[in-house]
């Protein structure tokens, strides 16, 4: 089974999450700067005396592909511990099964493409 874990976290938690994943020896990951909002729908800020609605907040998105449910659990736990502040906006973690993985250079697929 090949599983993709995606986590969207606060920008200031980038290093904490990256270090937590390295500690459990998750080596392959993709990181993107993204914008989004959840239930809170952003916030209002005063800019040059005018009220401005900030509806999309900057976040960091981690994408990790793992080879088993055990690694999925370990990865999610590491991210949760590293990213949690206990406040609104801490983020979300998604996981789902992947149909296939192919290494372009060698044409290996499935588990072999992950190693």
C-alpha atoms as a PDB file:
ATOM      1  CA  UNK A   1       0.000   0.000   0.000  1.00  0.00           C
ATOM      2  CA  UNK A   2       1.322   3.433  -0.924  1.00  0.00           C
ATOM      3  CA  UNK A   3      -0.101   6.400   0.985  1.00  0.00           C
ATOM      4  CA  UNK A   4       0.246  10.138   0.475  1.00  0.00           C
ATOM      5  CA  UNK A   5       0.178  12.382   3.534  1.00  0.00           C
ATOM      6  CA  UNK A   6      -0.450  16.093   2.987  1.00  0.00           C
ATOM      7  CA  UNK A   7      -0.172  18.569   5.827  1.00  0.00           C
ATOM      8  CA  UNK A   8      -0.995  22.266   5.714  1.00  0.00           C
ATOM      9  CA  UNK A   9       0.565  24.080   8.660  1.00  0.00           C
ATOM     10  CA  UNK A  10       1.424  27.558   9.921  1.00  0.00           C
ATOM     11  CA  UNK A  11       4.437  29.160   8.247  1.00  0.00           C
ATOM     12  CA  UNK A  12       6.241  29.518  11.558  1.00  0.00           C
ATOM     13  CA  UNK A  13       6.016  25.738  12.114  1.00  0.00           C
ATOM     14  CA  UNK A  14       7.981  24.869   8.951  1.00  0.00           C
ATOM     15  CA  UNK A  15      11.306  24.123  10.683  1.00  0.00           C
ATOM     16  CA  UNK A  16       9.630  22.267  13.565  1.00  0.00           C
ATOM     17  CA  UNK A  17       7.740  19.958  11.203  1.00  0.00           C
ATOM     18  CA  UNK A  18      10.748  19.442   8.921  1.00  0.00           C
ATOM     19  CA  UNK A  19      12.920  18.526  11.937  1.00  0.00           C
ATOM     20  CA  UNK A  20      10.249  16.189  13.357  1.00  0.00           C
ATOM     21  CA  UNK A  21      10.034  14.338  10.035  1.00  0.00           C
ATOM     22  CA  UNK A  22      13.833  14.060   9.857  1.00  0.00           C
ATOM     23  CA  UNK A  23      13.890  12.608  13.394  1.00  0.00           C
ATOM     24  CA  UNK A  24      11.644   9.726  12.342  1.00  0.00           C
ATOM     25  CA  UNK A  25      13.721   9.308   9.161  1.00  0.00           C
ATOM     26  CA  UNK A  26      11.153  10.519   6.660  1.00  0.00           C
ATOM     27  CA  UNK A  27      13.544  11.569   3.915  1.00  0.00           C
ATOM     28  CA  UNK A  28      11.420  12.301   0.863  1.00  0.00           C
ATOM     29  CA  UNK A  29       9.098  15.263   0.981  1.00  0.00           C
ATOM     30  CA  UNK A  30       7.863  18.153  -1.087  1.00  0.00           C
ATOM     31  CA  UNK A  31       7.210  21.541   0.484  1.00  0.00           C
ATOM     32  CA  UNK A  32       5.208  24.418  -1.011  1.00  0.00           C
ATOM     33  CA  UNK A  33       4.173  27.864   0.128  1.00  0.00           C
ATOM     34  CA  UNK A  34       0.403  28.062  -0.247  1.00  0.00           C
ATOM     35  CA  UNK A  35      -2.467  30.381   0.677  1.00  0.00           C
ATOM     36  CA  UNK A  36      -5.748  29.299   2.175  1.00  0.00           C
ATOM     37  CA  UNK A  37      -8.397  29.689   4.821  1.00  0.00           C
ATOM     38  CA  UNK A  38     -10.484  27.412   6.943  1.00  0.00           C
ATOM     39  CA  UNK A  39     -13.390  27.953   9.253  1.00  0.00           C
ATOM     40  CA  UNK A  40     -12.027  31.279  10.557  1.00  0.00           C
ATOM     41  CA  UNK A  41     -12.078  32.825   7.045  1.00  0.00           C
ATOM     42  CA  UNK A  42      -9.045  34.989   7.831  1.00  0.00           C
ATOM     43  CA  UNK A  43      -9.089  38.213   9.814  1.00  0.00           C
ATOM     44  CA  UNK A  44      -9.544  41.984   9.557  1.00  0.00           C
ATOM     45  CA  UNK A  45      -6.575  44.343   9.728  1.00  0.00           C
ATOM     46  CA  UNK A  46      -6.208  48.142   9.658  1.00  0.00           C
ATOM     47  CA  UNK A  47      -3.994  49.215   6.747  1.00  0.00           C
ATOM     48  CA  UNK A  48      -3.314  52.959   6.322  1.00  0.00           C
ATOM     49  CA  UNK A  49      -6.392  53.754   8.368  1.00  0.00           C
ATOM     50  CA  UNK A  50      -8.724  51.489   6.394  1.00  0.00           C
ATOM     51  CA  UNK A  51     -10.146  48.147   7.472  1.00  0.00           C
ATOM     52  CA  UNK A  52      -8.962  45.366   5.154  1.00  0.00           C
ATOM     53  CA  UNK A  53     -10.262  41.794   5.114  1.00  0.00           C
ATOM     54  CA  UNK A  54      -7.437  39.263   4.906  1.00  0.00           C
ATOM     55  CA  UNK A  55      -9.221  36.116   3.733  1.00  0.00           C
ATOM     56  CA  UNK A  56      -6.329  33.932   2.541  1.00  0.00           C
ATOM     57  CA  UNK A  57      -3.533  33.220   4.975  1.00  0.00           C
ATOM     58  CA  UNK A  58      -0.013  32.058   4.104  1.00  0.00           C
ATOM     59  CA  UNK A  59       0.616  28.402   4.976  1.00  0.00           C
ATOM     60  CA  UNK A  60       3.169  25.677   4.291  1.00  0.00           C
ATOM     61  CA  UNK A  61       2.111  22.457   2.581  1.00  0.00           C
ATOM     62  CA  UNK A  62       4.090  19.256   3.146  1.00  0.00           C
ATOM     63  CA  UNK A  63       3.580  16.301   0.795  1.00  0.00           C
ATOM     64  CA  UNK A  64       5.011  12.962   1.892  1.00  0.00           C
ATOM     65  CA  UNK A  65       4.583   9.536   0.296  1.00  0.00           C
ATOM     66  CA  UNK A  66       4.947   6.551   2.631  1.00  0.00           C
ATOM     67  CA  UNK A  67       4.958   2.807   2.071  1.00  0.00           C
ATOM     68  CA  UNK A  68       2.677   1.514   4.836  1.00  0.00           C
ATOM     69  CA  UNK A  69      -0.057   2.348   7.319  1.00  0.00           C
ATOM     70  CA  UNK A  70       2.547   2.203  10.100  1.00  0.00           C
ATOM     71  CA  UNK A  71       4.583   4.947   8.397  1.00  0.00           C
ATOM     72  CA  UNK A  72       1.394   6.916   7.764  1.00  0.00           C
ATOM     73  CA  UNK A  73       0.612   6.844  11.493  1.00  0.00           C
ATOM     74  CA  UNK A  74       4.187   7.766  12.512  1.00  0.00           C
ATOM     75  CA  UNK A  75       4.283  10.619   9.999  1.00  0.00           C
ATOM     76  CA  UNK A  76       0.929  12.049  11.071  1.00  0.00           C
ATOM     77  CA  UNK A  77       1.869  11.851  14.770  1.00  0.00           C
ATOM     78  CA  UNK A  78       5.178  13.634  14.164  1.00  0.00           C
ATOM     79  CA  UNK A  79       3.456  16.415  12.216  1.00  0.00           C
ATOM     80  CA  UNK A  80       0.696  16.826  14.826  1.00  0.00           C
ATOM     81  CA  UNK A  81       3.193  17.150  17.681  1.00  0.00           C
ATOM     82  CA  UNK A  82       5.412  19.601  15.803  1.00  0.00           C
ATOM     83  CA  UNK A  83       2.681  21.797  14.298  1.00  0.00           C
ATOM     84  CA  UNK A  84       0.199  22.096  17.175  1.00  0.00           C
ATOM     85  CA  UNK A  85      -0.086  25.414  18.993  1.00  0.00           C
ATOM     86  CA  UNK A  86      -3.588  24.755  20.274  1.00  0.00           C
ATOM     87  CA  UNK A  87      -4.938  27.781  18.427  1.00  0.00           C
ATOM     88  CA  UNK A  88      -7.280  28.202  15.470  1.00  0.00           C
ATOM     89  CA  UNK A  89      -5.343  27.943  12.223  1.00  0.00           C
ATOM     90  CA  UNK A  90      -2.926  25.157  13.193  1.00  0.00           C
ATOM     91  CA  UNK A  91      -3.792  23.395   9.933  1.00  0.00           C
ATOM     92  CA  UNK A  92      -4.978  20.054   8.605  1.00  0.00           C
ATOM     93  CA  UNK A  93      -3.489  16.690   7.684  1.00  0.00           C
ATOM     94  CA  UNK A  94      -4.913  14.588   4.860  1.00  0.00           C
ATOM     95  CA  UNK A  95      -3.948  11.067   3.856  1.00  0.00           C
ATOM     96  CA  UNK A  96      -5.092   8.902   1.000  1.00  0.00           C
ATOM     97  CA  UNK A  97      -4.136   5.843  -1.018  1.00  0.00           C
ATOM     98  CA  UNK A  98      -2.138   6.335  -4.199  1.00  0.00           C
ATOM     99  CA  UNK A  99      -2.830   4.160  -7.199  1.00  0.00           C
ATOM    100  CA  UNK A 100       0.707   4.201  -8.520  1.00  0.00           C
ATOM    101  CA  UNK A 101       4.147   5.723  -8.119  1.00  0.00           C
ATOM    102  CA  UNK A 102       6.705   5.697 -10.930  1.00  0.00           C
ATOM    103  CA  UNK A 103      10.347   6.757 -10.784  1.00  0.00           C
ATOM    104  CA  UNK A 104      10.947   8.567 -14.078  1.00  0.00           C
ATOM    105  CA  UNK A 105      14.682   7.812 -14.344  1.00  0.00           C
ATOM    106  CA  UNK A 106      14.390   4.003 -14.044  1.00  0.00           C
ATOM    107  CA  UNK A 107      10.694   3.374 -14.774  1.00  0.00           C
ATOM    108  CA  UNK A 108      10.426   1.485 -11.461  1.00  0.00           C
ATOM    109  CA  UNK A 109       6.946   1.557 -10.010  1.00  0.00           C
ATOM    110  CA  UNK A 110       5.180   0.865  -6.734  1.00  0.00           C
ATOM    111  CA  UNK A 111       7.263   0.277  -3.612  1.00  0.00           C
ATOM    112  CA  UNK A 112      10.505   0.062  -5.650  1.00  0.00           C
ATOM    113  CA  UNK A 113       9.992   3.622  -6.857  1.00  0.00           C
ATOM    114  CA  UNK A 114       9.968   4.887  -3.251  1.00  0.00           C
ATOM    115  CA  UNK A 115      13.380   3.492  -2.295  1.00  0.00           C
END
